[in-house]
Amino acid sequence: MTVLSKVIAKIRVAIATNATVVVLPLGLSLFTPPAGAAVIDLDFHSLPSAQQWTYRTSLGVDEESVFSVDGEVLHQNSVGILDDPKYVWQESVQRTAFDLRFRARLTEFDGVVESAWGFSVLLGVEDFFVYVGLGLGFVEVEENVVGNPRVFVDTSQFHDYRLLGDPVAGSYRFFVDGSQVLSRTIGHNPLGLNFLMLGDRALAGGDSPLGGKADVSLFVLDYVAKQIAIDIKPGSINPRSRGKIRVAILTTVSFDAATVDATRVRFGPTGSEAAMVSSVLQDIDGDGDLDLILQFNTQGSGIDCSTTSGSVTGQTIDGTAIQGTASIKVVGCK
């Protein structure tokens, strides 16, 4: 049995024995994508294979016989095909918090197994795996190849699906049309793979196709900055001052400020303005933990009389993005 067959077998067993059913509330409320450039933002004027994706099958079906684009939608037609045509992202997926969003529908399905999927999105990061599959009248989330919570929804219509995942914490949240329907901690499964896929993943045996017709009109992946606690002093800032602003990145139960790469931290109204001029580890809040104390030139911070909050952005030494915001009061503006 191939590795693919083993994975599919596990999926089918889990579907039959370990499904958690969730009924989706009626109503539509589209989510707003976060600001900033996406890591992946699929364009529908060309096939994914022209956009850093690799087309793959197990039996060699031609890409153009399954997928097409019209400028607004990626169309999949694997009906009657005994293969698993899909796209695989060519780059590695980072083991950090992510925001995966896609809009899709499943318009036809020829699977002999009603609980199977006609279209799916799969994401795996070393020891954290979450697959979202569209079947007839339901969406199923495969968790580390062992759990299968299911959400009942009319998959023949377009819906906005969103997966907020944290591979380090081993948890995710799943949204349909802006409503959170799942919030799960699934832990880790040491399969050691790293991938992002979309398409038809069901390889049928014999003459039993499991294909479907599906449309995708949005596919975006962003990495999400880890939220951190900060403290800004002085509490009242004069934008005309030629002094310095002290910003403390605090160590908490879930974050160690000593892991921050101070040279990459920026501070200002948007968190992209000023680089630090000095840094030191010190217990600023008296809780016995070392916090990171940074100083920034007020004149380079971008703070003006309309500013109400200051933000820091940056990275930890291992590359995890961080972001923190605190309120400020400006003085000396009259």
Protein backbone atom coordinates (compact mmCIF):
# COMPACT_ATOMS: atom_id res chain seq x y z
CA MET A 1 0.00 0.00 0.00
CA THR A 2 1.36 3.43 -0.96
CA VAL A 3 1.79 6.28 1.55
CA LEU A 4 -1.07 8.11 -0.18
CA SER A 5 -3.34 5.06 0.11
CA LYS A 6 -2.52 4.74 3.80
CA VAL A 7 -3.41 8.37 4.43
CA ILE A 8 -6.69 8.02 2.52
CA ALA A 9 -7.47 4.83 4.44
CA LYS A 10 -6.92 6.67 7.74
CA ILE A 11 -9.15 9.49 6.56
CA ARG A 12 -11.98 7.10 5.65
CA VAL A 13 -11.73 5.23 8.95
CA ALA A 14 -11.77 8.51 10.85
CA ILE A 15 -14.79 9.68 8.87
CA ALA A 16 -16.67 6.53 9.80
CA THR A 17 -15.71 6.39 13.46
CA ASN A 18 -14.58 9.75 14.77
CA ALA A 19 -16.64 12.53 13.26
CA THR A 20 -17.71 15.48 15.36
CA VAL A 21 -20.81 17.11 13.89
CA VAL A 22 -21.28 20.88 13.90
CA VAL A 23 -24.39 22.55 12.47
CA LEU A 24 -23.58 25.89 10.83
CA PRO A 25 -25.89 28.79 11.74
CA LEU A 26 -27.73 30.42 8.87
CA GLY A 27 -26.64 33.82 7.63
CA LEU A 28 -23.78 35.33 5.71
CA SER A 29 -21.16 37.75 7.01
CA LEU A 30 -18.01 38.03 4.93
CA PHE A 31 -14.75 38.37 6.81
CA THR A 32 -12.29 41.18 6.14
CA PRO A 33 -8.80 40.01 5.16
CA PRO A 34 -5.99 41.35 7.34
CA ALA A 35 -3.83 44.19 6.08
CA GLY A 36 -0.39 43.60 4.61
CA ALA A 37 1.06 41.57 1.78
CA ALA A 38 0.03 37.93 1.68
CA VAL A 39 2.53 35.10 1.51
CA ILE A 40 0.29 33.49 -1.12
CA ASP A 41 -2.47 35.30 -3.01
CA LEU A 42 -3.67 33.12 -5.87
CA ASP A 43 -4.39 35.00 -9.10
CA PHE A 44 -7.05 33.64 -11.42
CA HIS A 45 -5.67 34.91 -14.71
CA SER A 46 -3.23 32.00 -14.93
CA LEU A 47 -3.09 28.45 -13.62
CA PRO A 48 -1.39 27.92 -10.25
CA SER A 49 1.45 26.12 -12.04
CA ALA A 50 2.51 29.55 -13.32
CA GLN A 51 2.43 30.95 -9.76
CA GLN A 52 4.95 28.86 -7.80
CA TRP A 53 2.67 25.83 -7.54
CA THR A 54 3.49 22.39 -8.96
CA TYR A 55 0.78 20.32 -10.64
CA ARG A 56 0.86 16.68 -9.53
CA THR A 57 -1.11 13.50 -10.09
CA SER A 58 -0.52 9.84 -9.35
CA LEU A 59 -1.62 8.57 -12.77
CA GLY A 60 -0.53 11.39 -15.09
CA VAL A 61 -3.78 13.13 -16.05
CA ASP A 62 -3.05 16.35 -17.97
CA GLU A 63 -3.40 19.58 -15.99
CA GLU A 64 -5.48 21.33 -18.69
CA SER A 65 -7.99 18.48 -18.72
CA VAL A 66 -8.82 19.13 -15.06
CA PHE A 67 -8.10 22.79 -14.26
CA SER A 68 -8.85 26.08 -16.01
CA VAL A 69 -9.09 29.77 -15.11
CA ASP A 70 -11.25 32.61 -16.43
CA GLY A 71 -9.79 35.63 -14.64
CA GLU A 72 -12.05 35.28 -11.61
CA VAL A 73 -12.22 31.57 -10.77
CA LEU A 74 -10.04 28.46 -10.76
CA HIS A 75 -12.22 25.63 -12.07
CA GLN A 76 -11.60 21.98 -11.17
CA ASN A 77 -13.32 19.20 -13.14
CA SER A 78 -12.12 15.79 -11.99
CA VAL A 79 -15.50 14.09 -12.54
CA GLY A 80 -14.94 10.63 -13.96
CA ILE A 81 -11.17 10.76 -13.41
CA LEU A 82 -9.51 7.94 -11.48
CA ASP A 83 -6.69 10.15 -10.28
CA ASP A 84 -5.82 12.77 -7.65
CA PRO A 85 -5.03 15.98 -9.60
CA LYS A 86 -3.85 18.72 -7.28
CA TYR A 87 -1.45 21.62 -6.82
CA VAL A 88 1.43 21.66 -4.34
CA TRP A 89 3.03 24.92 -3.18
CA GLN A 90 6.71 24.88 -4.15
CA GLU A 91 7.96 26.68 -1.03
CA SER A 92 8.02 25.43 2.55
CA VAL A 93 5.24 26.44 4.92
CA GLN A 94 6.57 28.13 8.04
CA ARG A 95 5.91 26.60 11.44
CA THR A 96 4.27 29.74 12.75
CA ALA A 97 0.76 31.09 13.24
CA PHE A 98 -1.10 31.37 9.92
CA ASP A 99 -4.32 32.72 8.42
CA LEU A 100 -5.57 30.63 5.49
CA ARG A 101 -8.64 31.87 3.62
CA PHE A 102 -10.38 30.49 0.55
CA ARG A 103 -13.75 30.84 -1.15
CA ALA A 104 -15.01 27.73 -2.90
CA ARG A 105 -17.97 25.62 -3.94
CA LEU A 106 -18.48 22.00 -5.01
CA THR A 107 -20.98 21.87 -7.90
CA GLU A 108 -20.85 18.19 -8.86
CA PHE A 109 -19.59 15.02 -7.24
CA ASP A 110 -19.31 11.48 -8.60
CA GLY A 111 -17.90 9.76 -5.56
CA VAL A 112 -19.31 6.40 -4.58
CA VAL A 113 -18.49 7.18 -0.95
CA GLU A 114 -20.87 9.93 0.14
CA SER A 115 -18.61 11.01 2.99
CA ALA A 116 -15.61 11.59 0.69
CA TRP A 117 -14.35 14.96 -0.51
CA GLY A 118 -14.54 16.38 -4.04
CA PHE A 119 -12.22 19.31 -3.31
CA SER A 120 -9.79 19.89 -0.47
CA VAL A 121 -7.11 22.18 0.92
CA LEU A 122 -4.31 20.54 2.89
CA LEU A 123 -1.69 22.21 5.08
CA GLY A 124 1.06 20.40 6.97
CA VAL A 125 3.89 21.90 8.99
CA GLU A 126 6.26 19.24 10.38
CA ASP A 127 4.06 17.96 13.23
CA PHE A 128 0.81 19.88 12.64
CA PHE A 129 -1.66 18.90 9.91
CA VAL A 130 -5.07 20.37 9.07
CA TYR A 131 -7.02 19.41 5.94
CA VAL A 132 -10.28 21.09 4.88
CA GLY A 133 -12.41 18.96 2.54
CA LEU A 134 -15.67 19.82 0.76
CA GLY A 135 -18.16 17.00 0.42
CA LEU A 136 -21.85 16.81 -0.45
CA GLY A 137 -23.55 19.13 2.03
CA PHE A 138 -20.67 19.32 4.51
CA VAL A 139 -17.16 20.59 5.16
CA GLU A 140 -14.83 18.38 7.12
CA VAL A 141 -11.61 19.29 8.92
CA GLU A 142 -9.06 16.49 9.12
CA GLU A 143 -6.95 16.96 12.26
CA ASN A 144 -3.51 15.35 12.29
CA VAL A 145 -5.02 12.45 10.31
CA VAL A 146 -7.00 11.28 13.35
CA GLY A 147 -9.97 13.60 14.02
CA ASN A 148 -12.75 14.72 11.66
CA PRO A 149 -15.10 17.41 12.97
CA ARG A 150 -17.77 18.15 10.37
CA VAL A 151 -19.75 21.29 9.59
CA PHE A 152 -22.98 20.96 7.63
CA VAL A 153 -23.29 23.63 4.94
CA ASP A 154 -24.58 23.85 1.37
CA THR A 155 -21.27 23.34 -0.40
CA SER A 156 -22.88 23.82 -3.83
CA GLN A 157 -22.84 27.56 -3.03
CA PHE A 158 -19.79 29.77 -2.55
CA HIS A 159 -18.75 30.18 1.08
CA ASP A 160 -15.78 31.91 2.68
CA TYR A 161 -13.66 29.47 4.67
CA ARG A 162 -10.99 30.63 7.09
CA LEU A 163 -8.47 28.61 9.09
CA LEU A 164 -6.51 30.38 11.82
CA GLY A 165 -3.83 27.94 12.98
CA ASP A 166 -1.00 27.93 15.49
CA PRO A 167 1.32 24.97 14.80
CA VAL A 168 3.43 25.66 17.89
CA ALA A 169 0.40 25.56 20.20
CA GLY A 170 -1.15 22.71 18.20
CA SER A 171 -4.47 24.52 17.84
CA TYR A 172 -6.72 26.07 15.22
CA ARG A 173 -9.95 27.98 14.72
CA PHE A 174 -12.22 27.44 11.71
CA PHE A 175 -14.69 29.98 10.32
CA VAL A 176 -17.42 29.76 7.69
CA ASP A 177 -18.69 33.08 6.29
CA GLY A 178 -17.15 34.96 9.18
CA SER A 179 -18.71 32.80 11.92
CA GLN A 180 -16.41 30.67 14.07
CA VAL A 181 -17.68 27.09 14.02
CA LEU A 182 -14.69 25.21 15.46
CA SER A 183 -12.01 25.99 18.04
CA ARG A 184 -9.79 22.98 18.66
CA THR A 185 -6.52 22.02 20.30
CA ILE A 186 -5.22 18.95 18.47
CA GLY A 187 -1.64 18.67 19.68
CA HIS A 188 1.07 17.33 17.40
CA ASN A 189 1.61 14.33 15.13
CA PRO A 190 5.27 13.68 14.21
CA LEU A 191 4.79 12.82 10.53
CA GLY A 192 7.63 15.18 9.59
CA LEU A 193 6.17 16.61 6.37
CA ASN A 194 5.78 20.18 5.16
CA PHE A 195 3.29 21.01 2.41
CA LEU A 196 0.38 23.08 1.15
CA MET A 197 -1.96 21.53 -1.39
CA LEU A 198 -5.28 22.24 -3.09
CA GLY A 199 -7.38 20.17 -5.47
CA ASP A 200 -8.83 16.67 -5.66
CA ARG A 201 -6.98 14.42 -3.24
CA ALA A 202 -9.07 11.25 -3.47
CA LEU A 203 -7.32 8.53 -5.51
CA ALA A 204 -9.97 5.91 -6.29
CA GLY A 205 -9.37 2.22 -6.71
CA GLY A 206 -10.62 0.14 -9.63
CA ASP A 207 -13.32 1.92 -11.64
CA SER A 208 -14.79 3.96 -8.78
CA PRO A 209 -14.06 7.66 -9.40
CA LEU A 210 -14.21 10.16 -6.55
CA GLY A 211 -13.90 13.33 -8.59
CA GLY A 212 -15.84 16.57 -8.44
CA LYS A 213 -16.46 19.89 -10.09
CA ALA A 214 -15.31 22.74 -7.88
CA ASP A 215 -14.72 26.47 -8.21
CA VAL A 216 -12.25 28.57 -6.18
CA SER A 217 -12.49 32.38 -6.32
CA LEU A 218 -10.17 33.27 -3.39
CA PHE A 219 -7.08 31.62 -1.94
CA VAL A 220 -4.84 33.60 0.43
CA LEU A 221 -2.29 32.53 3.05
CA ASP A 222 -0.80 34.98 5.55
CA TYR A 223 1.48 34.43 8.51
CA VAL A 224 0.14 36.03 11.67
CA ALA A 225 2.33 37.91 14.12
CA LYS A 226 2.37 36.65 17.70
CA GLN A 227 0.72 39.21 19.97
CA ILE A 228 2.96 40.39 22.82
CA ALA A 229 2.50 42.67 25.85
CA ILE A 230 4.30 46.03 25.83
CA ASP A 231 4.58 49.04 28.14
CA ILE A 232 5.34 52.55 26.83
CA LYS A 233 6.93 55.30 28.94
CA PRO A 234 6.56 58.16 29.47
CA GLY A 235 2.79 57.91 29.63
CA SER A 236 2.49 61.38 28.10
CA ILE A 237 4.62 61.98 25.00
CA ASN A 238 5.43 65.36 23.48
CA PRO A 239 5.87 64.87 19.71
CA ARG A 240 8.20 67.89 19.66
CA SER A 241 10.55 66.37 22.22
CA ARG A 242 14.07 65.47 21.20
CA GLY A 243 14.25 62.88 23.92
CA LYS A 244 13.65 59.15 23.88
CA ILE A 245 10.69 56.84 24.36
CA ARG A 246 11.14 53.67 26.39
CA VAL A 247 9.21 50.62 25.27
CA ALA A 248 9.29 47.44 27.35
CA ILE A 249 8.51 44.09 25.75
CA LEU A 250 7.24 42.10 28.70
CA THR A 251 7.93 38.47 29.48
CA THR A 252 4.69 36.60 30.15
CA VAL A 253 3.60 33.01 30.70
CA SER A 254 3.38 32.50 26.93
CA PHE A 255 6.29 34.67 25.75
CA ASP A 256 9.95 35.15 26.68
CA ALA A 257 11.14 38.67 25.85
CA ALA A 258 14.75 37.44 25.82
CA THR A 259 14.01 35.63 22.54
CA VAL A 260 13.39 38.91 20.66
CA ASP A 261 15.91 40.05 18.03
CA ALA A 262 16.18 43.67 19.21
CA THR A 263 17.86 44.81 15.98
CA ARG A 264 14.70 44.02 14.01
CA VAL A 265 12.18 45.74 16.28
CA ARG A 266 10.43 48.88 15.00
CA PHE A 267 8.22 51.32 16.92
CA GLY A 268 5.67 53.97 16.00
CA PRO A 269 1.98 54.51 15.26
CA THR A 270 2.00 51.60 12.79
CA GLY A 271 4.97 49.70 14.23
CA SER A 272 7.14 50.31 11.17
CA GLU A 273 8.76 53.67 11.91
CA ALA A 274 11.74 53.86 14.30
CA ALA A 275 14.58 51.43 14.93
CA MET A 276 15.78 51.09 18.50
CA VAL A 277 18.83 53.03 19.70
CA SER A 278 19.52 50.88 22.76
CA SER A 279 18.32 47.69 24.43
CA VAL A 280 18.79 45.90 27.73
CA LEU A 281 17.24 42.94 29.55
CA GLN A 282 15.80 43.99 32.89
CA ASP A 283 12.94 43.03 35.20
CA ILE A 284 10.86 46.16 34.64
CA ASP A 285 7.61 44.97 36.23
CA GLY A 286 9.08 43.25 39.31
CA ASP A 287 7.71 39.78 38.60
CA GLY A 288 11.11 38.04 38.58
CA ASP A 289 11.30 37.66 34.78
CA LEU A 290 13.60 39.55 32.44
CA ASP A 291 11.85 41.99 30.09
CA LEU A 292 13.39 43.64 27.03
CA ILE A 293 13.75 47.41 27.43
CA LEU A 294 14.16 49.34 24.17
CA GLN A 295 14.67 53.05 23.57
CA PHE A 296 13.59 54.95 20.46
CA ASN A 297 14.15 58.57 19.40
CA THR A 298 10.89 60.49 19.71
CA GLN A 299 11.65 62.48 16.56
CA GLY A 300 12.00 59.32 14.48
CA SER A 301 8.93 57.58 15.86
CA GLY A 302 6.32 59.21 13.64
CA ILE A 303 4.20 60.17 16.66
CA ASP A 304 2.22 63.38 16.12
CA CYS A 305 -0.64 65.21 17.81
CA SER A 306 -3.23 62.80 16.39
CA THR A 307 -1.52 59.63 17.64
CA THR A 308 -3.41 57.59 20.24
CA SER A 309 -1.40 54.35 20.34
CA GLY A 310 2.08 53.02 19.67
CA SER A 311 3.00 49.63 18.24
CA VAL A 312 6.09 47.50 18.01
CA THR A 313 6.72 44.91 15.34
CA GLY A 314 9.66 42.60 14.89
CA GLN A 315 10.85 39.02 15.09
CA THR A 316 12.22 36.59 17.59
CA ILE A 317 15.65 35.09 17.04
CA ASP A 318 14.06 32.04 15.37
CA GLY A 319 12.06 34.23 12.95
CA THR A 320 8.62 34.30 14.60
CA ALA A 321 6.85 37.59 13.83
CA ILE A 322 5.72 39.63 16.86
CA GLN A 323 3.43 42.61 17.33
CA GLY A 324 2.28 44.60 20.36
CA THR A 325 0.24 47.78 20.88
CA ALA A 326 -0.41 50.08 23.85
CA SER A 327 -2.24 53.38 24.21
CA ILE A 328 -0.36 56.68 24.55
CA LYS A 329 -1.27 60.27 25.38
CA VAL A 330 0.30 63.16 23.48
CA VAL A 331 0.93 66.55 25.09
CA GLY A 332 2.36 69.91 24.05
CA CYS A 333 0.24 70.17 20.93
CA LYS A 334 -1.65 73.39 21.73
